Amino acid sequence: MSSPCRVRRSWRLVASGLALLALPGCRELEGFSTAAGEVYRGSIVSADDVRTGFDADGDTVDDVFAAGTTMELTLRFEEFQTDNVARLTTSDGLLADAPLLSIGPLWHDTLSGLTFPAGRLRSGMYWVRASAAAPPELANREILAVLSLMNDGSVEVRLISGTDRLYGLFRLRKESTD
């Protein structure tokens, strides 16, 4: 007759194996990398509840993250935990071929396993530095970027800076640059 401890261990092994099967495979995620001549491209979600722009010149019109702002991203999935994972450019000049900067200690913390619902296969948090050409209040400043790889092959990027200062959600799809 089996001991209760041995049965519990067996169930734990079965549960662990099932959990591993539920994780997306590396091959599946490698398809997110962009090749030469490819880029992820898309617009900011313009709904005010997920977009807080920045009015640099006081004319009550957002100069950064205005409705219609676009983003381009190149992605190297195999570098997901490094500073080489992606480069971002926004049409408003906030970002100009800016690398996503890995938060080294994060990858050794349980926070790196943070998951989000609604079709996100994998997400990561990074810093990205605003360009020198951005408005003075934002120029060369580090902004939190959350990169999410989606079930449908698209990518979401959220950029967050300060309380109620800057928040933008971009939905991007892979396109040819040719």
Protein backbone atom coordinates (compact mmCIF):
# COMPACT_ATOMS: atom_id res chain seq x y z
CA MET A 1 0.00 0.00 0.00
CA SER A 2 1.31 3.49 -0.87
CA SER A 3 2.07 5.93 1.87
CA PRO A 4 0.06 9.20 1.92
CA CYS A 5 3.31 11.17 1.48
CA ARG A 6 4.24 9.25 -1.67
CA VAL A 7 0.75 9.80 -3.15
CA ARG A 8 0.90 13.54 -2.40
CA ARG A 9 4.33 13.77 -4.05
CA SER A 10 3.00 11.98 -7.13
CA TRP A 11 0.10 14.40 -7.41
CA ARG A 12 2.49 17.34 -7.04
CA LEU A 13 4.61 15.98 -9.89
CA VAL A 14 1.52 15.53 -12.07
CA ALA A 15 0.30 19.05 -11.24
CA SER A 16 3.76 20.51 -11.96
CA GLY A 17 3.90 18.71 -15.30
CA LEU A 18 0.47 19.99 -16.29
CA ALA A 19 1.46 23.54 -15.33
CA LEU A 20 4.55 23.31 -17.57
CA LEU A 21 2.41 22.13 -20.48
CA ALA A 22 0.22 25.20 -20.07
CA LEU A 23 3.17 27.57 -20.54
CA PRO A 24 3.78 28.84 -24.06
CA GLY A 25 6.75 27.20 -25.74
CA CYS A 26 9.87 29.12 -26.70
CA ARG A 27 9.36 28.26 -30.37
CA GLU A 28 5.91 29.81 -30.26
CA LEU A 29 7.36 33.02 -28.81
CA GLU A 30 10.34 33.17 -31.20
CA GLY A 31 7.84 34.04 -33.95
CA PHE A 32 7.52 37.46 -32.31
CA SER A 33 11.05 38.49 -33.33
CA THR A 34 11.23 40.91 -36.25
CA ALA A 35 13.43 40.07 -39.22
CA ALA A 36 15.17 42.53 -41.54
CA GLY A 37 12.43 44.50 -43.29
CA GLU A 38 9.87 43.95 -40.51
CA VAL A 39 8.59 46.18 -37.73
CA TYR A 40 5.69 46.23 -35.30
CA ARG A 41 3.62 49.34 -35.97
CA GLY A 42 0.48 50.80 -34.46
CA SER A 43 -1.25 53.70 -32.77
CA ILE A 44 -1.89 54.77 -29.23
CA VAL A 45 -5.28 53.73 -27.87
CA SER A 46 -7.05 57.08 -27.90
CA ALA A 47 -9.60 56.44 -25.12
CA ASP A 48 -8.97 58.96 -22.34
CA ASP A 49 -9.21 56.33 -19.60
CA VAL A 50 -6.03 54.64 -20.93
CA ARG A 51 -4.25 57.70 -22.30
CA THR A 52 -2.80 60.62 -20.37
CA GLY A 53 -0.94 62.95 -22.70
CA PHE A 54 1.45 65.77 -21.94
CA ASP A 55 0.90 69.41 -22.94
CA ALA A 56 4.42 70.88 -23.14
CA ASP A 57 3.53 74.36 -24.40
CA GLY A 58 0.38 75.18 -22.40
CA ASP A 59 -1.98 75.37 -25.39
CA THR A 60 -4.22 72.59 -23.91
CA VAL A 61 -3.32 70.26 -26.77
CA ASP A 62 -1.23 67.20 -25.93
CA ASP A 63 2.20 67.39 -27.53
CA VAL A 64 3.16 63.92 -26.27
CA PHE A 65 0.76 60.97 -26.58
CA ALA A 66 -1.82 62.92 -28.56
CA ALA A 67 -4.55 60.85 -30.18
CA GLY A 68 -3.08 59.39 -33.37
CA THR A 69 0.48 59.06 -32.03
CA THR A 70 2.12 56.02 -33.62
CA MET A 71 4.90 53.69 -32.50
CA GLU A 72 7.32 51.41 -34.30
CA LEU A 73 9.10 48.57 -32.53
CA THR A 74 11.73 46.05 -33.53
CA LEU A 75 11.89 42.95 -31.34
CA ARG A 76 14.39 40.17 -30.64
CA PHE A 77 12.57 37.66 -28.45
CA GLU A 78 15.71 35.64 -27.78
CA GLU A 79 17.02 38.72 -25.91
CA PHE A 80 13.86 39.10 -23.76
CA GLN A 81 15.82 39.66 -20.53
CA THR A 82 18.50 41.98 -21.96
CA ASP A 83 18.91 45.54 -23.20
CA ASN A 84 18.75 44.20 -26.78
CA VAL A 85 15.13 43.00 -26.66
CA ALA A 86 13.54 45.92 -28.52
CA ARG A 87 13.91 49.44 -29.91
CA LEU A 88 11.05 51.96 -29.94
CA THR A 89 10.27 55.09 -31.93
CA THR A 90 7.18 57.29 -31.52
CA SER A 91 5.84 59.79 -34.03
CA ASP A 92 5.66 62.54 -31.39
CA GLY A 93 9.45 62.48 -30.85
CA LEU A 94 9.29 61.16 -27.28
CA LEU A 95 11.27 58.06 -28.30
CA ALA A 96 13.78 57.87 -31.15
CA ASP A 97 15.18 54.37 -31.76
CA ALA A 98 15.31 53.97 -27.97
CA PRO A 99 16.30 50.57 -26.55
CA LEU A 100 14.21 48.91 -23.88
CA LEU A 101 16.58 48.68 -20.91
CA SER A 102 16.41 45.50 -18.87
CA ILE A 103 15.82 45.80 -15.12
CA GLY A 104 18.45 43.19 -14.17
CA PRO A 105 17.36 42.26 -10.64
CA LEU A 106 13.74 41.94 -11.79
CA TRP A 107 14.51 38.73 -13.70
CA HIS A 108 15.63 37.11 -10.41
CA ASP A 109 12.52 38.23 -8.52
CA THR A 110 9.07 36.64 -8.48
CA LEU A 111 7.79 39.84 -10.08
CA SER A 112 9.33 38.63 -13.36
CA GLY A 113 6.68 35.90 -13.45
CA LEU A 114 3.85 38.41 -13.22
CA THR A 115 1.14 37.50 -15.69
CA PHE A 116 -1.75 39.49 -17.08
CA PRO A 117 -5.06 38.09 -18.33
CA ALA A 118 -6.81 38.48 -21.68
CA GLY A 119 -4.52 36.74 -24.13
CA ARG A 120 -1.06 37.83 -23.01
CA LEU A 121 1.50 35.05 -23.52
CA ARG A 122 4.37 36.83 -21.82
CA SER A 123 5.07 40.28 -20.42
CA GLY A 124 8.17 42.10 -19.24
CA MET A 125 8.96 45.41 -17.59
CA TYR A 126 11.75 47.66 -18.82
CA TRP A 127 13.01 51.23 -18.71
CA VAL A 128 13.17 53.32 -21.86
CA ARG A 129 14.87 56.72 -22.05
CA ALA A 130 13.05 59.64 -23.67
CA SER A 131 14.93 61.37 -26.47
CA ALA A 132 16.80 64.64 -25.98
CA ALA A 133 14.29 66.19 -28.43
CA ALA A 134 11.33 65.41 -26.14
CA PRO A 135 9.79 68.30 -24.16
CA PRO A 136 12.23 69.50 -21.44
CA GLU A 137 10.18 67.97 -18.61
CA LEU A 138 10.56 64.54 -20.23
CA ALA A 139 13.85 64.77 -22.18
CA ASN A 140 16.35 62.04 -21.27
CA ARG A 141 14.03 60.79 -18.52
CA GLU A 142 13.52 57.08 -17.85
CA ILE A 143 9.98 55.86 -18.49
CA LEU A 144 8.56 52.50 -17.40
CA ALA A 145 7.66 50.29 -20.37
CA VAL A 146 5.57 47.13 -20.11
CA LEU A 147 5.90 44.89 -23.18
CA SER A 148 3.25 42.18 -23.70
CA LEU A 149 3.31 39.47 -26.38
CA MET A 150 -0.29 38.63 -27.31
CA ASN A 151 -1.96 35.34 -28.34
CA ASP A 152 -2.91 36.76 -31.74
CA GLY A 153 0.71 37.66 -32.65
CA SER A 154 0.37 41.35 -31.84
CA VAL A 155 2.33 43.27 -29.21
CA GLU A 156 1.17 45.78 -26.62
CA VAL A 157 3.44 48.44 -25.13
CA ARG A 158 2.44 50.55 -22.14
CA LEU A 159 4.53 53.61 -21.29
CA ILE A 160 4.12 55.07 -17.80
CA SER A 161 5.79 58.10 -16.22
CA GLY A 162 4.75 59.69 -12.95
CA THR A 163 1.35 59.86 -11.30
CA ASP A 164 -1.22 61.09 -13.85
CA ARG A 165 1.63 62.56 -15.91
CA LEU A 166 2.01 60.19 -18.84
CA TYR A 167 0.27 56.93 -19.69
CA GLY A 168 -0.04 55.39 -23.11
CA LEU A 169 -1.13 52.02 -24.42
CA PHE A 170 0.01 51.13 -27.94
CA ARG A 171 -1.31 48.11 -29.87
CA LEU A 172 1.14 47.01 -32.56
CA ARG A 173 1.03 44.53 -35.44
CA LYS A 174 3.94 43.14 -37.42
CA GLU A 175 4.31 44.74 -40.86
CA SER A 176 6.78 44.81 -43.70
CA THR A 177 8.82 48.00 -44.07
CA ASP A 178 9.16 47.45 -47.84
